[in-house]
């Protein structure tokens, strides 16, 4: 069970980073126009 939790935490971390990058890129695109 502990290993599964650790894997989930790692995946959530990757997803969070991708979401933040997407928001930043979207923010710059909106301000750029």
PDB file of N, CA and C in Angstrom:
ATOM      1  N   UNK A   1       0.841  -1.205   0.000  1.00  0.00           N
ATOM      2  CA  UNK A   1       0.000   0.000   0.000  1.00  0.00           C
ATOM      3  C   UNK A   1       0.874   1.253   0.000  1.00  0.00           C
ATOM      4  N   UNK A   2       1.949   1.221   0.761  1.00  0.00           N
ATOM      5  CA  UNK A   2       2.811   2.409   0.841  1.00  0.00           C
ATOM      6  C   UNK A   2       3.414   2.738  -0.518  1.00  0.00           C
ATOM      7  N   UNK A   3       3.835   1.697  -1.260  1.00  0.00           N
ATOM      8  CA  UNK A   3       4.423   1.939  -2.578  1.00  0.00           C
ATOM      9  C   UNK A   3       3.404   2.576  -3.509  1.00  0.00           C
ATOM     10  N   UNK A   4       2.166   2.115  -3.450  1.00  0.00           N
ATOM     11  CA  UNK A   4       1.118   2.667  -4.316  1.00  0.00           C
ATOM     12  C   UNK A   4       0.920   4.148  -4.000  1.00  0.00           C
ATOM     13  N   UNK A   5       0.892   4.479  -2.713  1.00  0.00           N
ATOM     14  CA  UNK A   5       0.702   5.881  -2.311  1.00  0.00           C
ATOM     15  C   UNK A   5       1.856   6.734  -2.837  1.00  0.00           C
ATOM     16  N   UNK A   6       3.077   6.230  -2.730  1.00  0.00           N
ATOM     17  CA  UNK A   6       4.232   6.989  -3.211  1.00  0.00           C
ATOM     18  C   UNK A   6       4.134   7.216  -4.718  1.00  0.00           C
ATOM     19  N   UNK A   7       3.720   6.181  -5.462  1.00  0.00           N
ATOM     20  CA  UNK A   7       3.590   6.323  -6.916  1.00  0.00           C
ATOM     21  C   UNK A   7       2.536   7.368  -7.249  1.00  0.00           C
ATOM     22  N   UNK A   8       1.419   7.326  -6.528  1.00  0.00           N
ATOM     23  CA  UNK A   8       0.345   8.295  -6.780  1.00  0.00           C
ATOM     24  C   UNK A   8       0.838   9.709  -6.502  1.00  0.00           C
ATOM     25  N   UNK A   9       1.591   9.888  -5.417  1.00  0.00           N
ATOM     26  CA  UNK A   9       2.106  11.214  -5.081  1.00  0.00           C
ATOM     27  C   UNK A   9       3.039  11.714  -6.178  1.00  0.00           C
ATOM     28  N   UNK A  10       3.887  10.828  -6.717  1.00  0.00           N
ATOM     29  CA  UNK A  10       4.793  11.242  -7.787  1.00  0.00           C
ATOM     30  C   UNK A  10       4.001  11.656  -9.019  1.00  0.00           C
ATOM     31  N   UNK A  11       2.978  10.870  -9.377  1.00  0.00           N
ATOM     32  CA  UNK A  11       2.164  11.195 -10.549  1.00  0.00           C
ATOM     33  C   UNK A  11       1.423  12.510 -10.342  1.00  0.00           C
ATOM     34  N   UNK A  12       0.891  12.736  -9.147  1.00  0.00           N
ATOM     35  CA  UNK A  12       0.187  13.993  -8.863  1.00  0.00           C
ATOM     36  C   UNK A  12       1.152  15.163  -8.990  1.00  0.00           C
ATOM     37  N   UNK A  13       2.379  14.972  -8.552  1.00  0.00           N
ATOM     38  CA  UNK A  13       3.382  16.034  -8.661  1.00  0.00           C
ATOM     39  C   UNK A  13       3.634  16.389 -10.112  1.00  0.00           C
ATOM     40  N   UNK A  14       3.747  15.369 -10.977  1.00  0.00           N
ATOM     41  CA  UNK A  14       3.964  15.616 -12.405  1.00  0.00           C
ATOM     42  C   UNK A  14       2.767  16.342 -12.996  1.00  0.00           C
ATOM     43  N   UNK A  15       1.577  15.902 -12.648  1.00  0.00           N
ATOM     44  CA  UNK A  15       0.360  16.529 -13.176  1.00  0.00           C
ATOM     45  C   UNK A  15       0.283  17.982 -12.731  1.00  0.00           C
ATOM     46  N   UNK A  16       0.606  18.242 -11.473  1.00  0.00           N
ATOM     47  CA  UNK A  16       0.559  19.615 -10.953  1.00  0.00           C
ATOM     48  C   UNK A  16       1.516  20.506 -11.722  1.00  0.00           C
ATOM     49  N   UNK A  17       2.732  20.013 -11.986  1.00  0.00           N
ATOM     50  CA  UNK A  17       3.720  20.796 -12.735  1.00  0.00           C
ATOM     51  C   UNK A  17       3.199  21.089 -14.139  1.00  0.00           C
ATOM     52  N   UNK A  18       2.621  20.083 -14.800  1.00  0.00           N
ATOM     53  CA  UNK A  18       2.085  20.286 -16.148  1.00  0.00           C
ATOM     54  C   UNK A  18       0.965  21.314 -16.132  1.00  0.00           C
ATOM     55  N   UNK A  19       0.090  21.246 -15.141  1.00  0.00           N
ATOM     56  CA  UNK A  19      -1.025  22.202 -15.046  1.00  0.00           C
ATOM     57  C   UNK A  19      -0.491  23.617 -14.854  1.00  0.00           C
ATOM     58  N   UNK A  20       0.510  23.780 -13.988  1.00  0.00           N
ATOM     59  CA  UNK A  20       1.086  25.107 -13.738  1.00  0.00           C
ATOM     60  C   UNK A  20       1.713  25.645 -15.017  1.00  0.00           C
ATOM     61  N   UNK A  21       2.489  24.830 -15.726  1.00  0.00           N
ATOM     62  CA  UNK A  21       3.095  25.264 -16.981  1.00  0.00           C
ATOM     63  C   UNK A  21       2.020  25.666 -17.978  1.00  0.00           C
ATOM     64  N   UNK A  22       0.947  24.883 -18.078  1.00  0.00           N
ATOM     65  CA  UNK A  22      -0.142  25.190 -19.012  1.00  0.00           C
ATOM     66  C   UNK A  22      -0.778  26.529 -18.666  1.00  0.00           C
ATOM     67  N   UNK A  23      -1.020  26.780 -17.385  1.00  0.00           N
ATOM     68  CA  UNK A  23      -1.625  28.051 -16.967  1.00  0.00           C
ATOM     69  C   UNK A  23      -0.700  29.220 -17.291  1.00  0.00           C
ATOM     70  N   UNK A  24       0.595  29.060 -17.047  1.00  0.00           N
ATOM     71  CA  UNK A  24       1.560  30.132 -17.327  1.00  0.00           C
ATOM     72  C   UNK A  24       1.600  30.436 -18.819  1.00  0.00           C
ATOM     73  N   UNK A  25       1.678  29.382 -19.650  1.00  0.00           N
ATOM     74  CA  UNK A  25       1.716  29.571 -21.108  1.00  0.00           C
ATOM     75  C   UNK A  25       0.428  30.237 -21.579  1.00  0.00           C
ATOM     76  N   UNK A  26      -0.719  29.786 -21.092  1.00  0.00           N
ATOM     77  CA  UNK A  26      -2.012  30.371 -21.460  1.00  0.00           C
ATOM     78  C   UNK A  26      -2.045  31.844 -21.055  1.00  0.00           C
ATOM     79  N   UNK A  27      -1.527  32.161 -19.867  1.00  0.00           N
ATOM     80  CA  UNK A  27      -1.501  33.533 -19.358  1.00  0.00           C
ATOM     81  C   UNK A  27      -0.693  34.427 -20.295  1.00  0.00           C
ATOM     82  N   UNK A  28       0.484  33.958 -20.720  1.00  0.00           N
ATOM     83  CA  UNK A  28       1.334  34.745 -21.614  1.00  0.00           C
ATOM     84  C   UNK A  28       0.686  34.903 -22.986  1.00  0.00           C
ATOM     85  N   UNK A  29       0.026  33.860 -23.493  1.00  0.00           N
ATOM     86  CA  UNK A  29      -0.632  33.949 -24.796  1.00  0.00           C
ATOM     87  C   UNK A  29      -1.752  34.981 -24.760  1.00  0.00           C
ATOM     88  N   UNK A  30      -2.531  34.990 -23.688  1.00  0.00           N
ATOM     89  CA  UNK A  30      -3.644  35.945 -23.573  1.00  0.00           C
ATOM     90  C   UNK A  30      -3.105  37.374 -23.489  1.00  0.00           C
ATOM     91  N   UNK A  31      -2.054  37.587 -22.709  1.00  0.00           N
ATOM     92  CA  UNK A  31      -1.495  38.936 -22.557  1.00  0.00           C
ATOM     93  C   UNK A  31      -0.752  39.377 -23.815  1.00  0.00           C
ATOM     94  N   UNK A  32      -0.238  38.408 -24.577  1.00  0.00           N
ATOM     95  CA  UNK A  32       0.542  38.739 -25.768  1.00  0.00           C
ATOM     96  C   UNK A  32      -0.309  39.334 -26.879  1.00  0.00           C
ATOM     97  N   UNK A  33      -1.615  39.009 -26.902  1.00  0.00           N
ATOM     98  CA  UNK A  33      -2.437  39.481 -28.011  1.00  0.00           C
ATOM     99  C   UNK A  33      -3.080  40.827 -27.719  1.00  0.00           C
TER     100      UNK A  33
END
